[in-house]
Amino acid sequence: MRMVCITIAWNEEELLPIFLNHYEKFCEKIIVYDNESDDRTAEICDAHALVERRVYATDGQIRDDVYLQIKNSAWKEFRDYDWVCVLDLDEFVYHKDLETFLLSCKRKGISIPQTEGFSMCSETLPSSKANIWEEITKGIRDTWYDKTPIFDPKLIDDIGFKHGCHACYPAGVIVYDKFPSLKMLHYKNIGGLKRLENRRKLYEKRLSSINIEKKWGLIIVTGK
């Protein structure tokens, strides 16, 4: 079974090794679109055998319109793969036996496995070589993160993600599973309040005018 993982990064040296440790277990290739990070993100990517780092520029700004364009188009060059996984770097798809589950989806003709979302939280970060879902197990059910990051590129023509990829409007052979067993574990709120506040301040400084105009991501900065 061939799977490619596609994600976007900016200054993710803390979480990136944990992300790679998780997805290297079942992905043949991991594509990281690096938004000109100035920490160790590039170094970590370039040292990993499965990672292809692609740099893109947004003049130092957070541009969700650019993120969306990448997520809706980058996977299309991998039509020969069995599955693609398109998601953010703090999102971890979990199943106790993912390969068997996806093989079952293939047999059933399921093109978009659904997920159950959870917002996870912790005062600390996990160790870099840990299974994050074993170290950080506290969270709450959050339907906002019932995303569809994994889909069959042979059956889906366009995935049609909307802002934040919380919803999609796909085209092609669209078959969802009726009883979701994949978990989408969202690890944004980890590492303690100081880390989260520092991330929020950096985010605020980089917020683009189009994000402000469209009210994309403002909840992270203003809470509204």
C-alpha atoms as a PDB file:
ATOM      1  CA  MET A   1       0.000   0.000   0.000  1.00  0.00           C
ATOM      2  CA  ARG A   2       1.447   3.344  -1.059  1.00  0.00           C
ATOM      3  CA  MET A   3       0.614   6.518   0.852  1.00  0.00           C
ATOM      4  CA  VAL A   4       2.013  10.033   0.656  1.00  0.00           C
ATOM      5  CA  CYS A   5       1.611  12.613   3.423  1.00  0.00           C
ATOM      6  CA  ILE A   6       1.483  16.320   2.565  1.00  0.00           C
ATOM      7  CA  THR A   7       1.754  19.042   5.215  1.00  0.00           C
ATOM      8  CA  ILE A   8       2.670  22.710   5.685  1.00  0.00           C
ATOM      9  CA  ALA A   9       5.238  23.996   8.175  1.00  0.00           C
ATOM     10  CA  TRP A  10       6.610  27.208   9.594  1.00  0.00           C
ATOM     11  CA  ASN A  11       9.065  27.015  12.507  1.00  0.00           C
ATOM     12  CA  GLU A  12       7.945  23.586  13.681  1.00  0.00           C
ATOM     13  CA  GLU A  13      11.229  22.273  15.122  1.00  0.00           C
ATOM     14  CA  GLU A  14       9.457  21.148  18.320  1.00  0.00           C
ATOM     15  CA  LEU A  15       6.649  19.107  16.791  1.00  0.00           C
ATOM     16  CA  LEU A  16       8.177  18.124  13.446  1.00  0.00           C
ATOM     17  CA  PRO A  17      10.293  15.164  14.705  1.00  0.00           C
ATOM     18  CA  ILE A  18       7.200  13.767  16.461  1.00  0.00           C
ATOM     19  CA  PHE A  19       5.110  14.239  13.325  1.00  0.00           C
ATOM     20  CA  LEU A  20       7.702  12.468  11.187  1.00  0.00           C
ATOM     21  CA  ASN A  21       8.040   9.659  13.706  1.00  0.00           C
ATOM     22  CA  HIS A  22       4.306   9.046  13.411  1.00  0.00           C
ATOM     23  CA  TYR A  23       3.817   9.251   9.637  1.00  0.00           C
ATOM     24  CA  GLU A  24       7.016   7.470   8.610  1.00  0.00           C
ATOM     25  CA  LYS A  25       5.434   4.258   9.906  1.00  0.00           C
ATOM     26  CA  PHE A  26       2.898   4.074   7.084  1.00  0.00           C
ATOM     27  CA  CYS A  27       3.843   6.660   4.441  1.00  0.00           C
ATOM     28  CA  GLU A  28       6.215   6.051   1.547  1.00  0.00           C
ATOM     29  CA  LYS A  29       6.878   9.772   1.135  1.00  0.00           C
ATOM     30  CA  ILE A  30       6.313  12.885   3.256  1.00  0.00           C
ATOM     31  CA  ILE A  31       6.101  16.249   1.496  1.00  0.00           C
ATOM     32  CA  VAL A  32       6.688  19.278   3.742  1.00  0.00           C
ATOM     33  CA  TYR A  33       5.843  22.663   2.268  1.00  0.00           C
ATOM     34  CA  ASP A  34       8.145  24.933   4.262  1.00  0.00           C
ATOM     35  CA  ASN A  35       7.034  28.571   4.512  1.00  0.00           C
ATOM     36  CA  GLU A  36      10.644  29.838   4.839  1.00  0.00           C
ATOM     37  CA  SER A  37      11.176  28.649   8.413  1.00  0.00           C
ATOM     38  CA  ASP A  38      14.115  30.219  10.243  1.00  0.00           C
ATOM     39  CA  ASP A  39      14.474  27.608  12.985  1.00  0.00           C
ATOM     40  CA  ARG A  40      15.663  23.979  12.567  1.00  0.00           C
ATOM     41  CA  THR A  41      12.668  22.917  10.440  1.00  0.00           C
ATOM     42  CA  ALA A  42      14.688  22.734   7.208  1.00  0.00           C
ATOM     43  CA  GLU A  43      17.526  20.848   8.899  1.00  0.00           C
ATOM     44  CA  ILE A  44      15.143  18.258  10.358  1.00  0.00           C
ATOM     45  CA  CYS A  45      13.383  17.765   7.019  1.00  0.00           C
ATOM     46  CA  ASP A  46      16.581  17.445   5.025  1.00  0.00           C
ATOM     47  CA  ALA A  47      17.977  14.831   7.422  1.00  0.00           C
ATOM     48  CA  HIS A  48      14.976  12.537   7.028  1.00  0.00           C
ATOM     49  CA  ALA A  49      15.097   9.915   4.274  1.00  0.00           C
ATOM     50  CA  LEU A  50      11.373  10.051   3.455  1.00  0.00           C
ATOM     51  CA  VAL A  51      10.957  13.831   3.447  1.00  0.00           C
ATOM     52  CA  GLU A  52      10.927  16.089   0.429  1.00  0.00           C
ATOM     53  CA  ARG A  53      11.018  19.733   1.514  1.00  0.00           C
ATOM     54  CA  ARG A  54       9.463  22.297  -0.814  1.00  0.00           C
ATOM     55  CA  VAL A  55       9.974  25.957   0.034  1.00  0.00           C
ATOM     56  CA  TYR A  56       7.315  28.532  -0.740  1.00  0.00           C
ATOM     57  CA  ALA A  57       7.188  32.247   0.058  1.00  0.00           C
ATOM     58  CA  THR A  58       4.413  34.484   1.357  1.00  0.00           C
ATOM     59  CA  ASP A  59       6.505  37.561   2.203  1.00  0.00           C
ATOM     60  CA  GLY A  60       6.687  36.418   5.829  1.00  0.00           C
ATOM     61  CA  GLN A  61       2.917  36.392   6.228  1.00  0.00           C
ATOM     62  CA  ILE A  62       0.321  33.799   7.115  1.00  0.00           C
ATOM     63  CA  ARG A  63      -1.703  33.333   3.936  1.00  0.00           C
ATOM     64  CA  ASP A  64      -4.504  30.822   4.302  1.00  0.00           C
ATOM     65  CA  ASP A  65      -5.445  31.299   0.666  1.00  0.00           C
ATOM     66  CA  VAL A  66      -1.995  29.979  -0.311  1.00  0.00           C
ATOM     67  CA  TYR A  67      -2.261  27.124   2.205  1.00  0.00           C
ATOM     68  CA  LEU A  68      -5.593  26.136   0.693  1.00  0.00           C
ATOM     69  CA  GLN A  69      -4.224  26.190  -2.841  1.00  0.00           C
ATOM     70  CA  ILE A  70      -1.407  23.846  -1.815  1.00  0.00           C
ATOM     71  CA  LYS A  71      -3.724  21.447  -0.014  1.00  0.00           C
ATOM     72  CA  ASN A  72      -6.185  21.318  -2.901  1.00  0.00           C
ATOM     73  CA  SER A  73      -3.606  20.770  -5.622  1.00  0.00           C
ATOM     74  CA  ALA A  74      -0.302  19.319  -4.337  1.00  0.00           C
ATOM     75  CA  TRP A  75      -1.659  15.770  -3.989  1.00  0.00           C
ATOM     76  CA  LYS A  76      -2.686  15.522  -7.654  1.00  0.00           C
ATOM     77  CA  GLU A  77       0.813  14.538  -8.780  1.00  0.00           C
ATOM     78  CA  PHE A  78       0.401  11.350  -6.718  1.00  0.00           C
ATOM     79  CA  ARG A  79      -2.501   9.807  -8.630  1.00  0.00           C
ATOM     80  CA  ASP A  80      -0.597   6.507  -8.791  1.00  0.00           C
ATOM     81  CA  TYR A  81      -0.575   6.176  -4.997  1.00  0.00           C
ATOM     82  CA  ASP A  82      -3.206   4.203  -3.093  1.00  0.00           C
ATOM     83  CA  TRP A  83      -3.896   6.984  -0.592  1.00  0.00           C
ATOM     84  CA  VAL A  84      -2.939  10.576   0.057  1.00  0.00           C
ATOM     85  CA  CYS A  85      -2.996  12.250   3.448  1.00  0.00           C
ATOM     86  CA  VAL A  86      -3.266  16.056   3.489  1.00  0.00           C
ATOM     87  CA  LEU A  87      -3.253  17.736   6.880  1.00  0.00           C
ATOM     88  CA  ASP A  88      -1.645  20.200   9.281  1.00  0.00           C
ATOM     89  CA  LEU A  89       1.479  19.407  11.227  1.00  0.00           C
ATOM     90  CA  ASP A  90      -0.350  19.248  14.574  1.00  0.00           C
ATOM     91  CA  GLU A  91      -2.871  16.697  13.256  1.00  0.00           C
ATOM     92  CA  PHE A  92      -2.287  12.993  13.808  1.00  0.00           C
ATOM     93  CA  VAL A  93      -4.481  10.345  12.196  1.00  0.00           C
ATOM     94  CA  TYR A  94      -4.714   7.295  14.430  1.00  0.00           C
ATOM     95  CA  HIS A  95      -5.971   3.741  14.023  1.00  0.00           C
ATOM     96  CA  LYS A  96      -4.710   0.696  15.901  1.00  0.00           C
ATOM     97  CA  ASP A  97      -4.149  -1.063  12.550  1.00  0.00           C
ATOM     98  CA  LEU A  98      -4.236   1.595   9.867  1.00  0.00           C
ATOM     99  CA  GLU A  99      -2.932  -0.527   6.997  1.00  0.00           C
ATOM    100  CA  THR A 100      -5.538  -3.254   7.508  1.00  0.00           C
ATOM    101  CA  PHE A 101      -8.254  -0.627   7.843  1.00  0.00           C
ATOM    102  CA  LEU A 102      -7.288   1.097   4.578  1.00  0.00           C
ATOM    103  CA  LEU A 103      -7.057  -2.229   2.744  1.00  0.00           C
ATOM    104  CA  SER A 104     -10.597  -2.890   3.937  1.00  0.00           C
ATOM    105  CA  CYS A 105     -11.648   0.525   2.614  1.00  0.00           C
ATOM    106  CA  LYS A 106     -10.184  -0.383  -0.773  1.00  0.00           C
ATOM    107  CA  ARG A 107     -12.155  -3.636  -0.881  1.00  0.00           C
ATOM    108  CA  LYS A 108     -15.357  -1.811   0.036  1.00  0.00           C
ATOM    109  CA  GLY A 109     -14.776   0.968  -2.505  1.00  0.00           C
ATOM    110  CA  ILE A 110     -14.563   3.655   0.186  1.00  0.00           C
ATOM    111  CA  SER A 111     -12.777   6.661  -1.276  1.00  0.00           C
ATOM    112  CA  ILE A 112     -12.893   9.030   1.738  1.00  0.00           C
ATOM    113  CA  PRO A 113     -12.604   7.464   5.205  1.00  0.00           C
ATOM    114  CA  GLN A 114     -14.211   9.670   7.818  1.00  0.00           C
ATOM    115  CA  THR A 115     -12.671  10.569  11.172  1.00  0.00           C
ATOM    116  CA  GLU A 116     -13.694  11.350  14.733  1.00  0.00           C
ATOM    117  CA  GLY A 117     -11.924  14.483  15.941  1.00  0.00           C
ATOM    118  CA  PHE A 118     -10.396  15.090  19.347  1.00  0.00           C
ATOM    119  CA  SER A 119      -8.697  18.171  20.794  1.00  0.00           C
ATOM    120  CA  MET A 120      -5.763  16.930  22.847  1.00  0.00           C
ATOM    121  CA  CYS A 121      -4.048  18.851  25.645  1.00  0.00           C
ATOM    122  CA  SER A 122      -0.937  18.601  27.806  1.00  0.00           C
ATOM    123  CA  GLU A 123       1.328  20.822  29.906  1.00  0.00           C
ATOM    124  CA  THR A 124       4.369  19.241  28.257  1.00  0.00           C
ATOM    125  CA  LEU A 125       5.617  18.183  24.839  1.00  0.00           C
ATOM    126  CA  PRO A 126       6.260  14.492  24.187  1.00  0.00           C
ATOM    127  CA  SER A 127       9.756  13.176  23.592  1.00  0.00           C
ATOM    128  CA  SER A 128      10.917  13.484  19.988  1.00  0.00           C
ATOM    129  CA  LYS A 129      10.882   9.730  19.332  1.00  0.00           C
ATOM    130  CA  ALA A 130       7.645   9.025  21.167  1.00  0.00           C
ATOM    131  CA  ASN A 131       4.310   7.903  19.835  1.00  0.00           C
ATOM    132  CA  ILE A 132       2.470  11.098  20.698  1.00  0.00           C
ATOM    133  CA  TRP A 133      -0.826   9.244  21.090  1.00  0.00           C
ATOM    134  CA  GLU A 134       0.750   7.078  23.808  1.00  0.00           C
ATOM    135  CA  GLU A 135       2.315   9.957  25.766  1.00  0.00           C
ATOM    136  CA  ILE A 136      -0.487  12.513  25.479  1.00  0.00           C
ATOM    137  CA  THR A 137      -3.819  10.764  25.925  1.00  0.00           C
ATOM    138  CA  LYS A 138      -6.027  13.497  27.421  1.00  0.00           C
ATOM    139  CA  GLY A 139      -8.454  15.272  25.151  1.00  0.00           C
ATOM    140  CA  ILE A 140     -12.077  16.008  24.420  1.00  0.00           C
ATOM    141  CA  ARG A 141     -14.319  14.969  21.563  1.00  0.00           C
ATOM    142  CA  ASP A 142     -14.404  17.850  19.079  1.00  0.00           C
ATOM    143  CA  THR A 143     -16.577  17.549  15.964  1.00  0.00           C
ATOM    144  CA  TRP A 144     -14.801  20.611  14.500  1.00  0.00           C
ATOM    145  CA  TYR A 145     -11.907  18.233  13.782  1.00  0.00           C
ATOM    146  CA  ASP A 146     -13.954  15.538  12.042  1.00  0.00           C
ATOM    147  CA  LYS A 147     -11.803  16.220   9.002  1.00  0.00           C
ATOM    148  CA  THR A 148     -11.212  14.042   5.936  1.00  0.00           C
ATOM    149  CA  PRO A 149      -7.414  14.125   5.506  1.00  0.00           C
ATOM    150  CA  ILE A 150      -7.077  10.695   3.837  1.00  0.00           C
ATOM    151  CA  PHE A 151      -8.602   9.936   0.456  1.00  0.00           C
ATOM    152  CA  ASP A 152      -8.081   7.790  -2.638  1.00  0.00           C
ATOM    153  CA  PRO A 153      -6.373   9.848  -5.400  1.00  0.00           C
ATOM    154  CA  LYS A 154      -7.429   7.319  -8.031  1.00  0.00           C
ATOM    155  CA  LEU A 155     -11.121   7.910  -7.307  1.00  0.00           C
ATOM    156  CA  ILE A 156     -11.209  11.560  -6.226  1.00  0.00           C
ATOM    157  CA  ASP A 157     -10.851  14.160  -8.992  1.00  0.00           C
ATOM    158  CA  ASP A 158     -10.910  17.219  -6.709  1.00  0.00           C
ATOM    159  CA  ILE A 159     -11.066  17.237  -2.916  1.00  0.00           C
ATOM    160  CA  GLY A 160     -12.524  20.754  -2.605  1.00  0.00           C
ATOM    161  CA  PHE A 161     -11.187  21.686   0.813  1.00  0.00           C
ATOM    162  CA  LYS A 162     -12.546  24.902   2.284  1.00  0.00           C
ATOM    163  CA  HIS A 163     -10.727  27.207   4.713  1.00  0.00           C
ATOM    164  CA  GLY A 164      -9.041  25.213   7.451  1.00  0.00           C
ATOM    165  CA  CYS A 165      -9.965  21.947   5.698  1.00  0.00           C
ATOM    166  CA  HIS A 166     -12.751  21.412   8.226  1.00  0.00           C
ATOM    167  CA  ALA A 167     -15.060  20.769   5.289  1.00  0.00           C
ATOM    168  CA  CYS A 168     -14.563  19.514   1.757  1.00  0.00           C
ATOM    169  CA  TYR A 169     -16.735  19.311  -1.349  1.00  0.00           C
ATOM    170  CA  PRO A 170     -15.118  16.566  -3.408  1.00  0.00           C
ATOM    171  CA  ALA A 171     -15.722  15.515  -7.003  1.00  0.00           C
ATOM    172  CA  GLY A 172     -15.249  12.035  -8.420  1.00  0.00           C
ATOM    173  CA  VAL A 173     -16.270   8.677  -6.992  1.00  0.00           C
ATOM    174  CA  ILE A 174     -17.349   9.714  -3.508  1.00  0.00           C
ATOM    175  CA  VAL A 175     -17.967   6.926  -1.011  1.00  0.00           C
ATOM    176  CA  TYR A 176     -17.735   7.592   2.736  1.00  0.00           C
ATOM    177  CA  ASP A 177     -17.594   4.906   5.399  1.00  0.00           C
ATOM    178  CA  LYS A 178     -20.777   4.749   7.464  1.00  0.00           C
ATOM    179  CA  PHE A 179     -19.097   4.040  10.793  1.00  0.00           C
ATOM    180  CA  PRO A 180     -15.896   6.089  11.222  1.00  0.00           C
ATOM    181  CA  SER A 181     -13.119   4.306  13.098  1.00  0.00           C
ATOM    182  CA  LEU A 182     -10.240   6.654  12.273  1.00  0.00           C
ATOM    183  CA  LYS A 183      -9.319   9.178  14.957  1.00  0.00           C
ATOM    184  CA  MET A 184      -8.115  12.693  14.154  1.00  0.00           C
ATOM    185  CA  LEU A 185      -6.042  13.765  17.152  1.00  0.00           C
ATOM    186  CA  HIS A 186      -5.353  17.509  17.143  1.00  0.00           C
ATOM    187  CA  TYR A 187      -2.278  18.417  19.206  1.00  0.00           C
ATOM    188  CA  LYS A 188      -2.292  22.186  19.015  1.00  0.00           C
ATOM    189  CA  ASN A 189      -2.896  22.794  22.723  1.00  0.00           C
ATOM    190  CA  ILE A 190       0.168  21.095  24.165  1.00  0.00           C
ATOM    191  CA  GLY A 191       3.363  22.303  25.790  1.00  0.00           C
ATOM    192  CA  GLY A 192       1.829  24.583  28.410  1.00  0.00           C
ATOM    193  CA  LEU A 193       0.374  28.088  28.425  1.00  0.00           C
ATOM    194  CA  LYS A 194       3.703  29.884  27.940  1.00  0.00           C
ATOM    195  CA  ARG A 195       4.413  27.997  24.712  1.00  0.00           C
ATOM    196  CA  LEU A 196       0.885  28.637  23.435  1.00  0.00           C
ATOM    197  CA  GLU A 197       1.105  32.339  24.247  1.00  0.00           C
ATOM    198  CA  ASN A 198       4.455  32.646  22.462  1.00  0.00           C
ATOM    199  CA  ARG A 199       2.994  30.878  19.407  1.00  0.00           C
ATOM    200  CA  ARG A 200      -0.010  33.201  19.464  1.00  0.00           C
ATOM    201  CA  LYS A 201       2.218  36.301  19.508  1.00  0.00           C
ATOM    202  CA  LEU A 202       4.252  35.034  16.554  1.00  0.00           C
ATOM    203  CA  TYR A 203       1.039  34.227  14.685  1.00  0.00           C
ATOM    204  CA  GLU A 204      -0.343  37.708  15.338  1.00  0.00           C
ATOM    205  CA  LYS A 205       2.771  39.378  13.917  1.00  0.00           C
ATOM    206  CA  ARG A 206       2.573  37.325  10.709  1.00  0.00           C
ATOM    207  CA  LEU A 207      -1.169  37.575  10.070  1.00  0.00           C
ATOM    208  CA  SER A 208      -1.761  38.811   6.514  1.00  0.00           C
ATOM    209  CA  SER A 209      -4.245  41.454   5.414  1.00  0.00           C
ATOM    210  CA  ILE A 210      -6.249  38.865   3.474  1.00  0.00           C
ATOM    211  CA  ASN A 211      -6.549  36.707   6.601  1.00  0.00           C
ATOM    212  CA  ILE A 212      -7.753  39.733   8.563  1.00  0.00           C
ATOM    213  CA  GLU A 213     -10.193  40.695   5.807  1.00  0.00           C
ATOM    214  CA  LYS A 214     -11.605  37.185   5.512  1.00  0.00           C
ATOM    215  CA  LYS A 215     -11.418  36.594   9.291  1.00  0.00           C
ATOM    216  CA  TRP A 216      -9.278  33.502   8.750  1.00  0.00           C
ATOM    217  CA  GLY A 217      -7.468  32.336  11.853  1.00  0.00           C
ATOM    218  CA  LEU A 218      -8.511  35.329  13.967  1.00  0.00           C
ATOM    219  CA  ILE A 219      -9.785  33.040  16.720  1.00  0.00           C
ATOM    220  CA  ILE A 220      -6.159  32.110  17.431  1.00  0.00           C
ATOM    221  CA  VAL A 221      -5.241  35.768  17.979  1.00  0.00           C
ATOM    222  CA  THR A 222      -8.407  37.321  19.414  1.00  0.00           C
ATOM    223  CA  GLY A 223     -10.401  34.372  20.735  1.00  0.00           C
ATOM    224  CA  LYS A 224     -13.374  35.517  18.612  1.00  0.00           C
END
